[in-house]
Amino acid sequence: MNETAIEAGKPAYSAPALTKGLEVLELLAEARNPLTMKEIADGLGRSKSEIFRMLVALQERGYITRDPETDAYCLTDRLFKLGLHTPSAQDLMTAVMPELSRIAHDTSQSPHLVVINHGLTVVTAAVPGGDDMSFTLRLGYGRLASDSTSGQVMLAFQAPDMAERILGECDAHATSPVDRAALSAHLTRIRDRGYELRESRDFVGITDICCPILGADGNAVAAVIIAYVNRHTRESRHEHTVHVLKAACDRISAKLSNRVRPPGELLPD
């Protein structure tokens, strides 16, 4: 190993092509809108010739896509899907999927598993519910965590430092800073109740019903939300759905607590 390089604070080994590729992915992940080659080059302080082959390679591998009309690039869901194969995500999926099917059966509604990623909510799983129709959000769908029902439920069950970190990430995406005082009061009400039930911010005739999934440390690692479809011909069973959903999330939380070591716990010798 090159000790001189280490002493100078430089990496002993470098992979320029890999670095460029990661820079492109990180820039596109942080951008609010698709970016053209020139915008990517300017954003990275590189020339278009430096990143041209990298964009082609990333596109061929399915990590980015180009709009043929605007020539602008954006991320695909490939990185998101790869993330679902990590051990922690697999543990969550293993614990959740049977319960989502049970919720769908018991409520005739469609439950969705949601996590927070860099200040945005992300739908990672869904099970259709209903005999004649169902309302499901596409996988990968998300919005600002501080302004969504599932995001607020997860924020309500976070340690203060983690909640502030997430809100800082929300600020980076929002057009204006999050109103911390108003949000804090609302999160307290959610935490006291243990769940959220409210009219959808996006869809007419939909009621959001959401409960947190807690890890071994008591903080929310995910949430399950039902976009409850209210119908003229059927009585809405919101309270029944809350009961079913809360019981399911409690079972999932118990499974995760058994699998995840509490912070600081030592592995056996």
C-alpha atoms as a PDB file:
ATOM      1  CA  MET A   1       0.000   0.000   0.000  1.00  0.00           C
ATOM      2  CA  ASN A   2       1.255   3.479  -0.837  1.00  0.00           C
ATOM      3  CA  GLU A   3       1.834   5.113   2.557  1.00  0.00           C
ATOM      4  CA  THR A   4       2.634   8.471   0.963  1.00  0.00           C
ATOM      5  CA  ALA A   5      -0.758   8.565  -0.727  1.00  0.00           C
ATOM      6  CA  ILE A   6      -2.501   7.653   2.534  1.00  0.00           C
ATOM      7  CA  GLU A   7      -0.630  10.348   4.423  1.00  0.00           C
ATOM      8  CA  ALA A   8      -1.664  12.893   1.818  1.00  0.00           C
ATOM      9  CA  GLY A   9      -5.298  11.937   2.342  1.00  0.00           C
ATOM     10  CA  LYS A  10      -5.616  10.377  -1.100  1.00  0.00           C
ATOM     11  CA  PRO A  11      -7.012   6.908  -1.830  1.00  0.00           C
ATOM     12  CA  ALA A  12      -4.394   4.216  -2.366  1.00  0.00           C
ATOM     13  CA  TYR A  13      -6.349   2.891  -5.330  1.00  0.00           C
ATOM     14  CA  SER A  14      -8.666   4.654  -7.748  1.00  0.00           C
ATOM     15  CA  ALA A  15     -11.230   3.654 -10.349  1.00  0.00           C
ATOM     16  CA  PRO A  16     -11.954   6.790 -12.391  1.00  0.00           C
ATOM     17  CA  ALA A  17     -14.666   5.200 -14.548  1.00  0.00           C
ATOM     18  CA  LEU A  18     -16.531   3.857 -11.525  1.00  0.00           C
ATOM     19  CA  THR A  19     -16.244   7.213  -9.797  1.00  0.00           C
ATOM     20  CA  LYS A  20     -17.746   8.987 -12.811  1.00  0.00           C
ATOM     21  CA  GLY A  21     -20.605   6.509 -12.954  1.00  0.00           C
ATOM     22  CA  LEU A  22     -21.411   6.933  -9.269  1.00  0.00           C
ATOM     23  CA  GLU A  23     -21.255  10.703  -9.629  1.00  0.00           C
ATOM     24  CA  VAL A  24     -23.799  10.562 -12.453  1.00  0.00           C
ATOM     25  CA  LEU A  25     -26.159   8.335 -10.453  1.00  0.00           C
ATOM     26  CA  GLU A  26     -25.879  10.525  -7.355  1.00  0.00           C
ATOM     27  CA  LEU A  27     -26.506  13.710  -9.347  1.00  0.00           C
ATOM     28  CA  LEU A  28     -29.601  12.271 -11.037  1.00  0.00           C
ATOM     29  CA  ALA A  29     -30.889  10.959  -7.698  1.00  0.00           C
ATOM     30  CA  GLU A  30     -30.705  14.447  -6.177  1.00  0.00           C
ATOM     31  CA  ALA A  31     -32.139  16.278  -9.206  1.00  0.00           C
ATOM     32  CA  ARG A  32     -35.816  17.213  -9.158  1.00  0.00           C
ATOM     33  CA  ASN A  33     -36.114  16.878 -12.934  1.00  0.00           C
ATOM     34  CA  PRO A  34     -34.403  14.879 -15.709  1.00  0.00           C
ATOM     35  CA  LEU A  35     -31.073  16.365 -16.820  1.00  0.00           C
ATOM     36  CA  THR A  36     -29.519  16.712 -20.257  1.00  0.00           C
ATOM     37  CA  MET A  37     -25.949  15.645 -20.954  1.00  0.00           C
ATOM     38  CA  LYS A  38     -24.815  19.266 -20.758  1.00  0.00           C
ATOM     39  CA  GLU A  39     -26.571  19.763 -17.409  1.00  0.00           C
ATOM     40  CA  ILE A  40     -24.988  16.588 -16.042  1.00  0.00           C
ATOM     41  CA  ALA A  41     -21.544  17.628 -17.272  1.00  0.00           C
ATOM     42  CA  ASP A  42     -21.940  21.116 -15.802  1.00  0.00           C
ATOM     43  CA  GLY A  43     -23.260  19.701 -12.536  1.00  0.00           C
ATOM     44  CA  LEU A  44     -20.232  17.437 -12.168  1.00  0.00           C
ATOM     45  CA  GLY A  45     -17.688  19.940 -13.460  1.00  0.00           C
ATOM     46  CA  ARG A  46     -16.723  17.605 -16.281  1.00  0.00           C
ATOM     47  CA  SER A  47     -16.779  17.816 -20.069  1.00  0.00           C
ATOM     48  CA  LYS A  48     -19.483  16.159 -22.166  1.00  0.00           C
ATOM     49  CA  SER A  49     -16.850  13.918 -23.752  1.00  0.00           C
ATOM     50  CA  GLU A  50     -15.871  12.654 -20.268  1.00  0.00           C
ATOM     51  CA  ILE A  51     -19.367  11.446 -19.399  1.00  0.00           C
ATOM     52  CA  PHE A  52     -20.732  10.439 -22.821  1.00  0.00           C
ATOM     53  CA  ARG A  53     -19.551   6.827 -22.661  1.00  0.00           C
ATOM     54  CA  MET A  54     -20.596   6.605 -19.026  1.00  0.00           C
ATOM     55  CA  LEU A  55     -24.159   7.658 -19.883  1.00  0.00           C
ATOM     56  CA  VAL A  56     -24.283   5.092 -22.684  1.00  0.00           C
ATOM     57  CA  ALA A  57     -23.051   2.333 -20.350  1.00  0.00           C
ATOM     58  CA  LEU A  58     -25.495   3.226 -17.570  1.00  0.00           C
ATOM     59  CA  GLN A  59     -28.347   3.342 -20.067  1.00  0.00           C
ATOM     60  CA  GLU A  60     -27.408  -0.039 -21.540  1.00  0.00           C
ATOM     61  CA  ARG A  61     -27.321  -1.547 -18.042  1.00  0.00           C
ATOM     62  CA  GLY A  62     -30.761  -0.132 -17.285  1.00  0.00           C
ATOM     63  CA  TYR A  63     -29.774   2.283 -14.504  1.00  0.00           C
ATOM     64  CA  ILE A  64     -30.831   5.413 -16.394  1.00  0.00           C
ATOM     65  CA  THR A  65     -33.155   6.182 -19.270  1.00  0.00           C
ATOM     66  CA  ARG A  66     -33.181   8.966 -21.874  1.00  0.00           C
ATOM     67  CA  ASP A  67     -36.241  10.822 -23.089  1.00  0.00           C
ATOM     68  CA  PRO A  68     -35.979  10.787 -26.910  1.00  0.00           C
ATOM     69  CA  GLU A  69     -37.834  14.114 -27.185  1.00  0.00           C
ATOM     70  CA  THR A  70     -35.821  16.136 -24.676  1.00  0.00           C
ATOM     71  CA  ASP A  71     -32.569  14.100 -24.575  1.00  0.00           C
ATOM     72  CA  ALA A  72     -32.789  14.341 -20.779  1.00  0.00           C
ATOM     73  CA  TYR A  73     -31.743  11.497 -18.499  1.00  0.00           C
ATOM     74  CA  CYS A  74     -33.306  10.202 -15.297  1.00  0.00           C
ATOM     75  CA  LEU A  75     -32.902   7.186 -13.025  1.00  0.00           C
ATOM     76  CA  THR A  76     -34.895   4.014 -13.580  1.00  0.00           C
ATOM     77  CA  ASP A  77     -36.077   1.841 -10.679  1.00  0.00           C
ATOM     78  CA  ARG A  78     -33.158  -0.595 -11.109  1.00  0.00           C
ATOM     79  CA  LEU A  79     -31.251   0.695  -8.072  1.00  0.00           C
ATOM     80  CA  PHE A  80     -34.467   0.579  -6.063  1.00  0.00           C
ATOM     81  CA  LYS A  81     -35.033  -3.064  -7.042  1.00  0.00           C
ATOM     82  CA  LEU A  82     -31.436  -3.954  -6.176  1.00  0.00           C
ATOM     83  CA  GLY A  83     -31.935  -2.403  -2.755  1.00  0.00           C
ATOM     84  CA  LEU A  84     -34.818  -4.778  -2.101  1.00  0.00           C
ATOM     85  CA  HIS A  85     -32.338  -7.667  -2.219  1.00  0.00           C
ATOM     86  CA  THR A  86     -30.327  -6.481   0.792  1.00  0.00           C
ATOM     87  CA  PRO A  87     -30.650  -8.711   3.909  1.00  0.00           C
ATOM     88  CA  SER A  88     -32.510  -6.082   5.959  1.00  0.00           C
ATOM     89  CA  ALA A  89     -34.991  -5.451   3.156  1.00  0.00           C
ATOM     90  CA  GLN A  90     -35.481  -9.171   2.678  1.00  0.00           C
ATOM     91  CA  ASP A  91     -36.182  -9.621   6.398  1.00  0.00           C
ATOM     92  CA  LEU A  92     -38.787  -6.875   6.197  1.00  0.00           C
ATOM     93  CA  MET A  93     -40.384  -8.353   3.080  1.00  0.00           C
ATOM     94  CA  THR A  94     -40.432 -11.839   4.595  1.00  0.00           C
ATOM     95  CA  ALA A  95     -42.226 -10.550   7.666  1.00  0.00           C
ATOM     96  CA  VAL A  96     -44.601  -8.254   5.792  1.00  0.00           C
ATOM     97  CA  MET A  97     -45.886 -10.092   2.728  1.00  0.00           C
ATOM     98  CA  PRO A  98     -48.055 -12.718   4.506  1.00  0.00           C
ATOM     99  CA  GLU A  99     -49.570  -9.962   6.617  1.00  0.00           C
ATOM    100  CA  LEU A 100     -50.357  -7.788   3.586  1.00  0.00           C
ATOM    101  CA  SER A 101     -52.278 -10.694   2.070  1.00  0.00           C
ATOM    102  CA  ARG A 102     -54.142 -11.181   5.342  1.00  0.00           C
ATOM    103  CA  ILE A 103     -55.006  -7.477   5.532  1.00  0.00           C
ATOM    104  CA  ALA A 104     -56.285  -7.502   1.950  1.00  0.00           C
ATOM    105  CA  HIS A 105     -58.467 -10.534   2.694  1.00  0.00           C
ATOM    106  CA  ASP A 106     -59.872  -9.195   5.974  1.00  0.00           C
ATOM    107  CA  THR A 107     -60.597  -5.660   4.747  1.00  0.00           C
ATOM    108  CA  SER A 108     -61.201  -6.072   0.986  1.00  0.00           C
ATOM    109  CA  GLN A 109     -58.827  -3.124   0.573  1.00  0.00           C
ATOM    110  CA  SER A 110     -55.283  -2.822  -0.810  1.00  0.00           C
ATOM    111  CA  PRO A 111     -52.437  -2.440   1.715  1.00  0.00           C
ATOM    112  CA  HIS A 112     -49.096  -0.905   0.696  1.00  0.00           C
ATOM    113  CA  LEU A 113     -45.697  -1.204   2.377  1.00  0.00           C
ATOM    114  CA  VAL A 114     -43.871   2.131   2.437  1.00  0.00           C
ATOM    115  CA  VAL A 115     -40.370   3.169   3.523  1.00  0.00           C
ATOM    116  CA  ILE A 116     -38.539   6.504   3.573  1.00  0.00           C
ATOM    117  CA  ASN A 117     -35.535   7.045   1.320  1.00  0.00           C
ATOM    118  CA  HIS A 118     -33.683  10.382   1.313  1.00  0.00           C
ATOM    119  CA  GLY A 119     -36.724  12.309   2.501  1.00  0.00           C
ATOM    120  CA  LEU A 120     -39.162  10.661   0.080  1.00  0.00           C
ATOM    121  CA  THR A 121     -41.633   7.868   0.706  1.00  0.00           C
ATOM    122  CA  VAL A 122     -41.307   4.816  -1.536  1.00  0.00           C
ATOM    123  CA  VAL A 123     -43.948   2.110  -2.074  1.00  0.00           C
ATOM    124  CA  THR A 124     -42.043  -1.194  -1.917  1.00  0.00           C
ATOM    125  CA  ALA A 125     -44.887  -3.737  -1.946  1.00  0.00           C
ATOM    126  CA  ALA A 126     -48.653  -3.885  -2.429  1.00  0.00           C
ATOM    127  CA  VAL A 127     -51.382  -6.522  -2.421  1.00  0.00           C
ATOM    128  CA  PRO A 128     -54.643  -5.892  -4.321  1.00  0.00           C
ATOM    129  CA  GLY A 129     -57.792  -6.155  -2.248  1.00  0.00           C
ATOM    130  CA  GLY A 130     -61.462  -6.220  -3.212  1.00  0.00           C
ATOM    131  CA  ASP A 131     -63.769  -8.605  -5.010  1.00  0.00           C
ATOM    132  CA  ASP A 132     -64.563  -6.476  -8.051  1.00  0.00           C
ATOM    133  CA  MET A 133     -61.899  -3.744  -8.034  1.00  0.00           C
ATOM    134  CA  SER A 134     -58.819  -2.561  -6.179  1.00  0.00           C
ATOM    135  CA  PHE A 135     -56.881   0.673  -5.748  1.00  0.00           C
ATOM    136  CA  THR A 136     -53.130   0.176  -5.704  1.00  0.00           C
ATOM    137  CA  LEU A 137     -50.193   2.527  -6.131  1.00  0.00           C
ATOM    138  CA  ARG A 138     -47.353   1.484  -8.403  1.00  0.00           C
ATOM    139  CA  LEU A 139     -44.163   0.217  -6.795  1.00  0.00           C
ATOM    140  CA  GLY A 140     -41.625   2.993  -6.457  1.00  0.00           C
ATOM    141  CA  TYR A 141     -44.325   5.659  -6.150  1.00  0.00           C
ATOM    142  CA  GLY A 142     -43.471   8.253  -3.573  1.00  0.00           C
ATOM    143  CA  ARG A 143     -43.738  11.811  -2.390  1.00  0.00           C
ATOM    144  CA  LEU A 144     -42.252  14.146   0.191  1.00  0.00           C
ATOM    145  CA  ALA A 145     -42.213  12.324   3.538  1.00  0.00           C
ATOM    146  CA  SER A 146     -43.170  15.422   5.505  1.00  0.00           C
ATOM    147  CA  ASP A 147     -46.262  15.938   3.334  1.00  0.00           C
ATOM    148  CA  SER A 148     -47.580  12.382   3.036  1.00  0.00           C
ATOM    149  CA  THR A 149     -49.655  10.274   5.406  1.00  0.00           C
ATOM    150  CA  SER A 150     -47.252   7.331   5.509  1.00  0.00           C
ATOM    151  CA  GLY A 151     -44.247   9.635   5.813  1.00  0.00           C
ATOM    152  CA  GLN A 152     -45.761  11.503   8.745  1.00  0.00           C
ATOM    153  CA  VAL A 153     -46.625   8.246  10.498  1.00  0.00           C
ATOM    154  CA  MET A 154     -43.010   7.092  10.200  1.00  0.00           C
ATOM    155  CA  LEU A 155     -41.725  10.487  11.333  1.00  0.00           C
ATOM    156  CA  ALA A 156     -44.025  10.332  14.373  1.00  0.00           C
ATOM    157  CA  PHE A 157     -42.227   7.211  15.541  1.00  0.00           C
ATOM    158  CA  GLN A 158     -38.605   8.304  15.137  1.00  0.00           C
ATOM    159  CA  ALA A 159     -35.958   9.373  17.586  1.00  0.00           C
ATOM    160  CA  PRO A 160     -35.632  13.193  17.485  1.00  0.00           C
ATOM    161  CA  ASP A 161     -32.214  13.176  15.791  1.00  0.00           C
ATOM    162  CA  MET A 162     -33.356  10.798  13.058  1.00  0.00           C
ATOM    163  CA  ALA A 163     -36.593  12.744  12.522  1.00  0.00           C
ATOM    164  CA  GLU A 164     -34.600  15.948  12.105  1.00  0.00           C
ATOM    165  CA  ARG A 165     -32.266  14.268   9.649  1.00  0.00           C
ATOM    166  CA  ILE A 166     -35.223  13.109   7.547  1.00  0.00           C
ATOM    167  CA  LEU A 167     -36.777  16.578   7.665  1.00  0.00           C
ATOM    168  CA  GLY A 168     -33.496  18.048   6.475  1.00  0.00           C
ATOM    169  CA  GLU A 169     -33.647  15.708   3.493  1.00  0.00           C
ATOM    170  CA  CYS A 170     -37.252  16.789   2.912  1.00  0.00           C
ATOM    171  CA  ASP A 171     -36.141  20.423   2.864  1.00  0.00           C
ATOM    172  CA  ALA A 172     -33.686  19.573   0.086  1.00  0.00           C
ATOM    173  CA  HIS A 173     -36.585  18.397  -2.095  1.00  0.00           C
ATOM    174  CA  ALA A 174     -39.248  20.926  -1.064  1.00  0.00           C
ATOM    175  CA  THR A 175     -39.862  24.309  -2.647  1.00  0.00           C
ATOM    176  CA  SER A 176     -40.005  25.835   0.855  1.00  0.00           C
ATOM    177  CA  PRO A 177     -38.743  24.665   4.275  1.00  0.00           C
ATOM    178  CA  VAL A 178     -40.983  22.363   6.297  1.00  0.00           C
ATOM    179  CA  ASP A 179     -43.004  24.137   9.002  1.00  0.00           C
ATOM    180  CA  ARG A 180     -41.425  22.316  11.944  1.00  0.00           C
ATOM    181  CA  ALA A 181     -43.808  23.632  14.629  1.00  0.00           C
ATOM    182  CA  ALA A 182     -47.030  22.729  12.805  1.00  0.00           C
ATOM    183  CA  LEU A 183     -45.686  19.351  11.768  1.00  0.00           C
ATOM    184  CA  SER A 184     -44.454  18.563  15.284  1.00  0.00           C
ATOM    185  CA  ALA A 185     -47.915  19.147  16.733  1.00  0.00           C
ATOM    186  CA  HIS A 186     -49.469  16.880  14.122  1.00  0.00           C
ATOM    187  CA  LEU A 187     -46.873  14.152  14.676  1.00  0.00           C
ATOM    188  CA  THR A 188     -47.628  14.238  18.400  1.00  0.00           C
ATOM    189  CA  ARG A 189     -51.305  13.554  17.677  1.00  0.00           C
ATOM    190  CA  ILE A 190     -50.382  10.616  15.435  1.00  0.00           C
ATOM    191  CA  ARG A 191     -48.016   9.206  18.057  1.00  0.00           C
ATOM    192  CA  ASP A 192     -50.621   9.509  20.810  1.00  0.00           C
ATOM    193  CA  ARG A 193     -53.236   7.725  18.693  1.00  0.00           C
ATOM    194  CA  GLY A 194     -50.831   5.118  17.318  1.00  0.00           C
ATOM    195  CA  TYR A 195     -52.047   5.443  13.736  1.00  0.00           C
ATOM    196  CA  GLU A 196     -53.368   7.958  11.209  1.00  0.00           C
ATOM    197  CA  LEU A 197     -56.820   8.097   9.617  1.00  0.00           C
ATOM    198  CA  ARG A 198     -57.591  11.021   7.319  1.00  0.00           C
ATOM    199  CA  GLU A 199     -58.946  11.960   3.922  1.00  0.00           C
ATOM    200  CA  SER A 200     -56.398  11.475   1.151  1.00  0.00           C
ATOM    201  CA  ARG A 201     -54.451  14.551   0.150  1.00  0.00           C
ATOM    202  CA  ASP A 202     -54.441  13.369  -3.475  1.00  0.00           C
ATOM    203  CA  PHE A 203     -57.590  11.413  -4.291  1.00  0.00           C
ATOM    204  CA  VAL A 204     -61.281  12.173  -3.868  1.00  0.00           C
ATOM    205  CA  GLY A 205     -63.210   9.376  -2.157  1.00  0.00           C
ATOM    206  CA  ILE A 206     -60.096   7.808  -0.624  1.00  0.00           C
ATOM    207  CA  THR A 207     -59.361   7.642   3.106  1.00  0.00           C
ATOM    208  CA  ASP A 208     -55.766   7.052   4.200  1.00  0.00           C
ATOM    209  CA  ILE A 209     -55.396   4.571   7.059  1.00  0.00           C
ATOM    210  CA  CYS A 210     -51.809   4.014   8.162  1.00  0.00           C
ATOM    211  CA  CYS A 211     -49.885   2.304  10.969  1.00  0.00           C
ATOM    212  CA  PRO A 212     -46.137   2.128  11.671  1.00  0.00           C
ATOM    213  CA  ILE A 213     -43.901  -0.938  11.671  1.00  0.00           C
ATOM    214  CA  LEU A 214     -41.424  -0.636  14.527  1.00  0.00           C
ATOM    215  CA  GLY A 215     -37.937  -2.083  14.720  1.00  0.00           C
ATOM    216  CA  ALA A 216     -36.223  -3.493  17.782  1.00  0.00           C
ATOM    217  CA  ASP A 217     -35.257   0.016  18.924  1.00  0.00           C
ATOM    218  CA  GLY A 218     -38.872   1.230  18.868  1.00  0.00           C
ATOM    219  CA  ASN A 219     -38.385   3.472  15.845  1.00  0.00           C
ATOM    220  CA  ALA A 220     -40.421   3.099  12.665  1.00  0.00           C
ATOM    221  CA  VAL A 221     -38.655   1.201   9.903  1.00  0.00           C
ATOM    222  CA  ALA A 222     -41.655   1.271   7.568  1.00  0.00           C
ATOM    223  CA  ALA A 223     -45.410   1.779   7.490  1.00  0.00           C
ATOM    224  CA  VAL A 224     -48.393   0.020   5.998  1.00  0.00           C
ATOM    225  CA  ILE A 225     -51.007   2.272   4.455  1.00  0.00           C
ATOM    226  CA  ILE A 226     -54.407   1.449   3.030  1.00  0.00           C
ATOM    227  CA  ALA A 227     -55.891   3.824   0.492  1.00  0.00           C
ATOM    228  CA  TYR A 228     -59.440   2.984   1.579  1.00  0.00           C
ATOM    229  CA  VAL A 229     -61.931   3.219  -1.287  1.00  0.00           C
ATOM    230  CA  ASN A 230     -65.225   4.694  -0.023  1.00  0.00           C
ATOM    231  CA  ARG A 231     -68.182   3.541  -2.104  1.00  0.00           C
ATOM    232  CA  HIS A 232     -71.783   4.761  -2.397  1.00  0.00           C
ATOM    233  CA  THR A 233     -73.168   1.227  -2.285  1.00  0.00           C
ATOM    234  CA  ARG A 234     -71.227  -0.030   0.735  1.00  0.00           C
ATOM    235  CA  GLU A 235     -70.768   1.119   4.309  1.00  0.00           C
ATOM    236  CA  SER A 236     -67.249   2.353   5.043  1.00  0.00           C
ATOM    237  CA  ARG A 237     -65.610   0.243   7.755  1.00  0.00           C
ATOM    238  CA  HIS A 238     -62.782   2.532   8.796  1.00  0.00           C
ATOM    239  CA  GLU A 239     -62.590   1.476  12.438  1.00  0.00           C
ATOM    240  CA  HIS A 240     -62.621  -2.217  11.527  1.00  0.00           C
ATOM    241  CA  THR A 241     -59.814  -1.566   9.045  1.00  0.00           C
ATOM    242  CA  VAL A 242     -57.789   0.301  11.680  1.00  0.00           C
ATOM    243  CA  HIS A 243     -58.151  -2.669  14.025  1.00  0.00           C
ATOM    244  CA  VAL A 244     -57.033  -5.169  11.366  1.00  0.00           C
ATOM    245  CA  LEU A 245     -54.147  -2.976  10.204  1.00  0.00           C
ATOM    246  CA  LYS A 246     -52.857  -2.174  13.677  1.00  0.00           C
ATOM    247  CA  ALA A 247     -52.914  -5.842  14.714  1.00  0.00           C
ATOM    248  CA  ALA A 248     -50.998  -6.812  11.568  1.00  0.00           C
ATOM    249  CA  CYS A 249     -48.355  -4.114  12.066  1.00  0.00           C
ATOM    250  CA  ASP A 250     -47.931  -5.184  15.686  1.00  0.00           C
ATOM    251  CA  ARG A 251     -47.283  -8.763  14.532  1.00  0.00           C
ATOM    252  CA  ILE A 252     -44.791  -7.590  11.916  1.00  0.00           C
ATOM    253  CA  SER A 253     -43.008  -5.425  14.493  1.00  0.00           C
ATOM    254  CA  ALA A 254     -42.776  -8.378  16.855  1.00  0.00           C
ATOM    255  CA  LYS A 255     -41.235 -10.535  14.119  1.00  0.00           C
ATOM    256  CA  LEU A 256     -38.662  -7.871  13.262  1.00  0.00           C
ATOM    257  CA  SER A 257     -37.769  -7.328  16.920  1.00  0.00           C
ATOM    258  CA  ASN A 258     -36.969 -11.015  17.213  1.00  0.00           C
ATOM    259  CA  ARG A 259     -34.713 -10.888  14.149  1.00  0.00           C
ATOM    260  CA  VAL A 260     -32.916  -7.584  14.670  1.00  0.00           C
ATOM    261  CA  ARG A 261     -30.387  -7.224  17.463  1.00  0.00           C
ATOM    262  CA  PRO A 262     -30.956  -4.161  19.663  1.00  0.00           C
ATOM    263  CA  PRO A 263     -28.225  -1.502  19.327  1.00  0.00           C
ATOM    264  CA  GLY A 264     -25.170  -2.385  21.382  1.00  0.00           C
ATOM    265  CA  GLU A 265     -26.054  -6.044  21.839  1.00  0.00           C
ATOM    266  CA  LEU A 266     -22.992  -8.224  21.352  1.00  0.00           C
ATOM    267  CA  LEU A 267     -22.884 -11.301  19.207  1.00  0.00           C
ATOM    268  CA  PRO A 268     -22.370 -14.549  21.138  1.00  0.00           C
ATOM    269  CA  ASP A 269     -18.775 -15.816  21.370  1.00  0.00           C
END
